[in-house]
C-alpha atoms as a PDB file:
ATOM      1  CA  MET A   1     -26.766   9.323 -21.162  1.00  0.00           C
ATOM      2  CA  ALA A   2     -23.063   9.622 -23.127  1.00  0.00           C
ATOM      3  CA  THR A   3     -21.291   7.341 -22.317  1.00  0.00           C
ATOM      4  CA  LEU A   4     -21.973   4.349 -19.836  1.00  0.00           C
ATOM      5  CA  LEU A   5     -19.305   3.264 -17.703  1.00  0.00           C
ATOM      6  CA  ILE A   6     -19.060  -1.105 -16.460  1.00  0.00           C
ATOM      7  CA  MET A   7     -16.412  -2.486 -14.695  1.00  0.00           C
ATOM      8  CA  ALA A   8     -17.004  -5.683 -12.866  1.00  0.00           C
ATOM      9  CA  LEU A   9     -16.988  -5.943  -9.696  1.00  0.00           C
ATOM     10  CA  LYS A  10     -17.124  -2.365  -6.866  1.00  0.00           C
ATOM     11  CA  GLN A  11     -13.362  -3.908  -5.843  1.00  0.00           C
ATOM     12  CA  GLU A  12     -12.324  -2.727  -9.238  1.00  0.00           C
ATOM     13  CA  SER A  13     -12.456   0.668  -8.289  1.00  0.00           C
ATOM     14  CA  GLN A  14     -12.030   1.046  -4.202  1.00  0.00           C
ATOM     15  CA  ASN A  15     -14.083   3.796  -4.532  1.00  0.00           C
ATOM     16  CA  VAL A  16     -12.094   6.506  -6.408  1.00  0.00           C
ATOM     17  CA  PHE A  17     -14.784   6.371  -9.161  1.00  0.00           C
ATOM     18  CA  GLU A  18     -17.503   7.542  -6.547  1.00  0.00           C
ATOM     19  CA  THR A  19     -15.711   9.615  -4.555  1.00  0.00           C
ATOM     20  CA  ASN A  20     -14.557  11.320  -7.657  1.00  0.00           C
ATOM     21  CA  SER A  21     -18.832  11.946  -8.270  1.00  0.00           C
ATOM     22  CA  VAL A  22     -18.422   9.200 -11.201  1.00  0.00           C
ATOM     23  CA  GLN A  23     -20.895   6.430 -10.539  1.00  0.00           C
ATOM     24  CA  PRO A  24     -19.705   3.105 -12.811  1.00  0.00           C
ATOM     25  CA  PHE A  25     -22.606   0.111 -13.317  1.00  0.00           C
ATOM     26  CA  TYR A  26     -20.610  -3.012 -12.202  1.00  0.00           C
ATOM     27  CA  CYS A  27     -22.342  -5.982 -14.331  1.00  0.00           C
ATOM     28  CA  GLY A  28     -20.510  -9.257 -12.213  1.00  0.00           C
ATOM     29  CA  VAL A  29     -18.123 -11.743 -13.156  1.00  0.00           C
ATOM     30  CA  GLY A  30     -18.686 -13.962 -16.327  1.00  0.00           C
ATOM     31  CA  LEU A  31     -19.579 -13.603 -20.172  1.00  0.00           C
ATOM     32  CA  LEU A  32     -23.710 -14.734 -18.937  1.00  0.00           C
ATOM     33  CA  LYS A  33     -23.685 -11.603 -16.059  1.00  0.00           C
ATOM     34  CA  ALA A  34     -21.784  -9.417 -18.094  1.00  0.00           C
ATOM     35  CA  ALA A  35     -24.057  -9.333 -21.095  1.00  0.00           C
ATOM     36  CA  PHE A  36     -27.327  -9.510 -19.365  1.00  0.00           C
ATOM     37  CA  ASN A  37     -26.618  -6.843 -17.800  1.00  0.00           C
ATOM     38  CA  ALA A  38     -25.059  -4.846 -20.830  1.00  0.00           C
ATOM     39  CA  HIS A  39     -28.064  -5.788 -22.238  1.00  0.00           C
ATOM     40  CA  LYS A  40     -30.156  -4.141 -19.067  1.00  0.00           C
ATOM     41  CA  LEU A  41     -28.227  -1.255 -18.565  1.00  0.00           C
ATOM     42  CA  ILE A  42     -27.885   0.102 -22.315  1.00  0.00           C
ATOM     43  CA  LEU A  43     -31.774  -0.549 -22.517  1.00  0.00           C
ATOM     44  CA  GLU A  44     -32.615   1.834 -19.829  1.00  0.00           C
ATOM     45  CA  HIS A  45     -30.019   4.642 -20.212  1.00  0.00           C
ATOM     46  CA  LYS A  46     -29.557   4.541 -23.610  1.00  0.00           C
ATOM     47  CA  PRO A  47     -25.545   5.872 -23.936  1.00  0.00           C
ATOM     48  CA  SER A  48     -24.293   6.777 -26.571  1.00  0.00           C
ATOM     49  CA  ARG A  49     -20.742   4.846 -26.013  1.00  0.00           C
ATOM     50  CA  VAL A  50     -20.589   1.804 -22.993  1.00  0.00           C
ATOM     51  CA  LEU A  51     -16.803   2.337 -21.875  1.00  0.00           C
ATOM     52  CA  ASN A  52     -15.468  -0.616 -20.050  1.00  0.00           C
ATOM     53  CA  LEU A  53     -12.544  -0.270 -17.042  1.00  0.00           C
ATOM     54  CA  GLY A  54     -11.040  -3.363 -15.091  1.00  0.00           C
ATOM     55  CA  THR A  55      -8.720  -5.419 -14.555  1.00  0.00           C
ATOM     56  CA  ALA A  56      -7.118  -8.388 -16.480  1.00  0.00           C
ATOM     57  CA  GLY A  57      -4.368 -10.869 -16.288  1.00  0.00           C
ATOM     58  CA  SER A  58      -1.529 -11.311 -18.937  1.00  0.00           C
ATOM     59  CA  HIS A  59       1.641 -13.493 -20.037  1.00  0.00           C
ATOM     60  CA  ASN A  60       2.764 -10.719 -22.288  1.00  0.00           C
ATOM     61  CA  PHE A  61       3.173  -7.440 -20.107  1.00  0.00           C
ATOM     62  CA  LYS A  62       4.227  -6.188 -17.294  1.00  0.00           C
ATOM     63  CA  GLN A  63       1.760  -6.001 -14.011  1.00  0.00           C
ATOM     64  CA  CYS A  64       0.925  -2.368 -13.351  1.00  0.00           C
ATOM     65  CA  THR A  65       0.336  -1.165 -17.088  1.00  0.00           C
ATOM     66  CA  LEU A  66      -2.753   0.078 -19.102  1.00  0.00           C
ATOM     67  CA  VAL A  67      -4.140  -1.586 -22.448  1.00  0.00           C
ATOM     68  CA  GLU A  68      -6.653  -0.965 -24.654  1.00  0.00           C
ATOM     69  CA  CYS A  69      -8.786  -3.940 -25.681  1.00  0.00           C
ATOM     70  CA  THR A  70      -9.222  -3.061 -29.175  1.00  0.00           C
ATOM     71  CA  SER A  71      -9.981  -7.124 -30.505  1.00  0.00           C
ATOM     72  CA  PHE A  72     -12.136  -9.579 -28.677  1.00  0.00           C
ATOM     73  CA  VAL A  73     -12.331 -13.535 -28.224  1.00  0.00           C
ATOM     74  CA  GLN A  74     -13.818 -15.552 -26.372  1.00  0.00           C
ATOM     75  CA  ARG A  75     -11.403 -18.582 -24.175  1.00  0.00           C
ATOM     76  CA  TYR A  76     -12.592 -21.664 -24.363  1.00  0.00           C
ATOM     77  CA  PRO A  77     -11.607 -24.984 -22.148  1.00  0.00           C
ATOM     78  CA  ASN A  78     -10.004 -27.775 -24.697  1.00  0.00           C
ATOM     79  CA  ASP A  79     -12.957 -29.770 -24.919  1.00  0.00           C
ATOM     80  CA  PHE A  80     -14.717 -26.491 -26.548  1.00  0.00           C
ATOM     81  CA  TYR A  81     -11.662 -25.360 -28.724  1.00  0.00           C
ATOM     82  CA  PRO A  82     -12.974 -26.913 -32.005  1.00  0.00           C
ATOM     83  CA  LEU A  83     -15.725 -24.406 -31.657  1.00  0.00           C
ATOM     84  CA  LYS A  84     -15.443 -21.527 -33.745  1.00  0.00           C
ATOM     85  CA  ASN A  85     -14.477 -18.304 -32.275  1.00  0.00           C
ATOM     86  CA  LYS A  86     -15.402 -14.939 -33.787  1.00  0.00           C
ATOM     87  CA  THR A  87     -13.130 -11.967 -33.258  1.00  0.00           C
ATOM     88  CA  LEU A  88     -15.288  -9.476 -32.483  1.00  0.00           C
ATOM     89  CA  LYS A  89     -13.331  -5.395 -32.823  1.00  0.00           C
ATOM     90  CA  THR A  90     -13.267  -2.016 -31.915  1.00  0.00           C
ATOM     91  CA  SER A  91     -11.746   0.934 -33.227  1.00  0.00           C
ATOM     92  CA  ALA A  92      -9.238   2.338 -30.116  1.00  0.00           C
ATOM     93  CA  ILE A  93      -9.689   5.870 -27.926  1.00  0.00           C
ATOM     94  CA  SER A  94      -7.165   6.123 -26.386  1.00  0.00           C
ATOM     95  CA  SER A  95      -3.234   6.265 -27.306  1.00  0.00           C
ATOM     96  CA  LEU A  96      -2.535   3.446 -25.350  1.00  0.00           C
ATOM     97  CA  PRO A  97      -1.204  -0.092 -26.280  1.00  0.00           C
ATOM     98  CA  GLN A  98      -4.141  -2.055 -28.455  1.00  0.00           C
ATOM     99  CA  VAL A  99      -4.537  -5.549 -27.698  1.00  0.00           C
ATOM    100  CA  ILE A 100      -6.143  -8.545 -28.006  1.00  0.00           C
ATOM    101  CA  CYS A 101      -8.443  -9.706 -24.316  1.00  0.00           C
ATOM    102  CA  GLY A 102      -9.238 -13.366 -24.380  1.00  0.00           C
ATOM    103  CA  SER A 103     -12.483 -13.624 -22.190  1.00  0.00           C
ATOM    104  CA  GLY A 104     -13.918 -16.406 -20.897  1.00  0.00           C
ATOM    105  CA  ASP A 105     -15.579 -17.789 -17.428  1.00  0.00           C
ATOM    106  CA  TYR A 106     -12.487 -19.588 -16.125  1.00  0.00           C
ATOM    107  CA  ILE A 107      -9.326 -18.107 -14.879  1.00  0.00           C
ATOM    108  CA  GLU A 108      -6.387 -18.895 -17.048  1.00  0.00           C
ATOM    109  CA  THR A 109      -2.650 -19.724 -15.602  1.00  0.00           C
ATOM    110  CA  SER A 110      -1.239 -21.772 -18.606  1.00  0.00           C
ATOM    111  CA  LYS A 111      -1.110 -20.053 -21.982  1.00  0.00           C
ATOM    112  CA  PRO A 112      -4.399 -19.744 -23.242  1.00  0.00           C
ATOM    113  CA  LEU A 113      -5.765 -22.292 -26.228  1.00  0.00           C
ATOM    114  CA  VAL A 114      -6.755 -18.620 -28.489  1.00  0.00           C
ATOM    115  CA  GLN A 115      -3.989 -15.828 -29.369  1.00  0.00           C
ATOM    116  CA  CYS A 116      -4.606 -13.460 -26.420  1.00  0.00           C
ATOM    117  CA  ASP A 117      -2.808 -10.482 -24.953  1.00  0.00           C
ATOM    118  CA  VAL A 118      -4.670 -10.045 -22.070  1.00  0.00           C
ATOM    119  CA  MET A 119      -7.551 -11.937 -20.111  1.00  0.00           C
ATOM    120  CA  ASP A 120     -10.157 -11.376 -18.423  1.00  0.00           C
ATOM    121  CA  MET A 121     -14.146 -12.764 -17.811  1.00  0.00           C
ATOM    122  CA  GLU A 122     -16.252 -10.415 -19.003  1.00  0.00           C
ATOM    123  CA  ALA A 123     -14.826  -7.871 -21.703  1.00  0.00           C
ATOM    124  CA  TYR A 124     -16.246 -10.181 -24.876  1.00  0.00           C
ATOM    125  CA  ALA A 125     -19.348  -9.736 -24.021  1.00  0.00           C
ATOM    126  CA  LEU A 126     -19.525  -6.221 -23.594  1.00  0.00           C
ATOM    127  CA  ALA A 127     -18.571  -5.484 -27.548  1.00  0.00           C
ATOM    128  CA  TYR A 128     -21.007  -8.683 -28.186  1.00  0.00           C
ATOM    129  CA  VAL A 129     -24.070  -7.150 -26.543  1.00  0.00           C
ATOM    130  CA  CYS A 130     -22.770  -3.785 -27.399  1.00  0.00           C
ATOM    131  CA  GLY A 131     -22.378  -4.363 -31.169  1.00  0.00           C
ATOM    132  CA  GLU A 132     -25.896  -6.027 -31.368  1.00  0.00           C
ATOM    133  CA  LEU A 133     -27.226  -2.815 -29.752  1.00  0.00           C
ATOM    134  CA  GLY A 134     -25.315  -0.434 -32.422  1.00  0.00           C
ATOM    135  CA  VAL A 135     -23.965   1.252 -28.997  1.00  0.00           C
ATOM    136  CA  PRO A 136     -19.895   1.662 -29.797  1.00  0.00           C
ATOM    137  CA  PHE A 137     -17.844   0.352 -27.178  1.00  0.00           C
ATOM    138  CA  ASN A 138     -14.100   0.496 -25.850  1.00  0.00           C
ATOM    139  CA  SER A 139     -12.486  -1.363 -23.002  1.00  0.00           C
ATOM    140  CA  ILE A 140      -9.109  -0.474 -20.784  1.00  0.00           C
ATOM    141  CA  LYS A 141      -7.853  -2.622 -18.661  1.00  0.00           C
ATOM    142  CA  TYR A 142      -4.973  -2.738 -16.191  1.00  0.00           C
ATOM    143  CA  VAL A 143      -2.787  -5.703 -15.738  1.00  0.00           C
ATOM    144  CA  SER A 144      -2.938  -6.605 -12.291  1.00  0.00           C
ATOM    145  CA  ASP A 145      -1.253 -10.137 -13.128  1.00  0.00           C
ATOM    146  CA  ASN A 146       0.698 -12.496 -14.583  1.00  0.00           C
ATOM    147  CA  SER A 147      -1.654 -15.223 -14.525  1.00  0.00           C
ATOM    148  CA  ASP A 148      -0.162 -17.735 -12.487  1.00  0.00           C
ATOM    149  CA  ALA A 149      -0.611 -19.388  -9.515  1.00  0.00           C
ATOM    150  CA  ASP A 150       0.118 -15.879  -7.609  1.00  0.00           C
ATOM    151  CA  MET A 151      -2.289 -14.674  -8.957  1.00  0.00           C
ATOM    152  CA  VAL A 152      -5.103 -14.100  -6.763  1.00  0.00           C
ATOM    153  CA  SER A 153      -2.948 -12.184  -4.325  1.00  0.00           C
ATOM    154  CA  HIS A 154      -1.179 -10.311  -7.189  1.00  0.00           C
ATOM    155  CA  TRP A 155      -4.730  -8.884  -8.252  1.00  0.00           C
ATOM    156  CA  HIS A 156      -6.228  -7.768  -4.550  1.00  0.00           C
ATOM    157  CA  SER A 157      -2.746  -6.239  -3.942  1.00  0.00           C
ATOM    158  CA  ALA A 158      -3.079  -3.837  -6.915  1.00  0.00           C
ATOM    159  CA  LEU A 159      -6.362  -3.011  -6.839  1.00  0.00           C
ATOM    160  CA  GLN A 160      -5.745   0.513  -5.332  1.00  0.00           C
ATOM    161  CA  ASP A 161      -3.344   1.092  -8.005  1.00  0.00           C
ATOM    162  CA  ALA A 162      -5.286   0.132 -10.407  1.00  0.00           C
ATOM    163  CA  ALA A 163      -8.617   2.154  -9.353  1.00  0.00           C
ATOM    164  CA  LEU A 164      -5.975   5.576  -9.510  1.00  0.00           C
ATOM    165  CA  LYS A 165      -4.828   4.561 -12.883  1.00  0.00           C
ATOM    166  CA  LEU A 166      -7.912   3.404 -14.560  1.00  0.00           C
ATOM    167  CA  PHE A 167      -9.679   7.280 -12.984  1.00  0.00           C
ATOM    168  CA  ASN A 168      -7.034   8.563 -14.877  1.00  0.00           C
ATOM    169  CA  GLU A 169      -7.168   7.120 -18.029  1.00  0.00           C
ATOM    170  CA  TYR A 170     -10.978   7.602 -17.507  1.00  0.00           C
ATOM    171  CA  GLN A 171     -10.587  11.728 -17.104  1.00  0.00           C
ATOM    172  CA  LYS A 172      -8.864  11.973 -20.543  1.00  0.00           C
ATOM    173  CA  LEU A 173     -11.208  10.483 -22.337  1.00  0.00           C
ATOM    174  CA  LYS A 174     -13.701  13.011 -20.630  1.00  0.00           C
END
């Protein structure tokens, strides 16, 4: 298998990929599920690259913007902030703006404690597993919301546009 396409949730594909004969794998929400499922998928399919497509919140980018995550950090709740946070880096494969993605197992509605441009719940874990297994990793995110009190409704209303834009970007990368 050349490229293993991983998304967190089936809702993010809106069946756009499947309708066009592209089968993403879904890792589930959160760092542990993403790491476990990515590890399992990489061992099973032996890809030459892993591509993560999905949605993210941002205080820095407008909604409906596509970005490529090339640096990854973990977001920790306040009581874990003193822990050393290793930044993972990847090489860009698109002409999209290159950003820092902060991943955590919680939804961030205020300014994150670590510097990041977009926030999700899986990319750091996927980048980590790929790095450990020696598989190149790339991640492209659609900014679905502003990580505020209205984020859930904005995320739901952005899913169709997100899927279409992510699929179009996927087509360019083939």
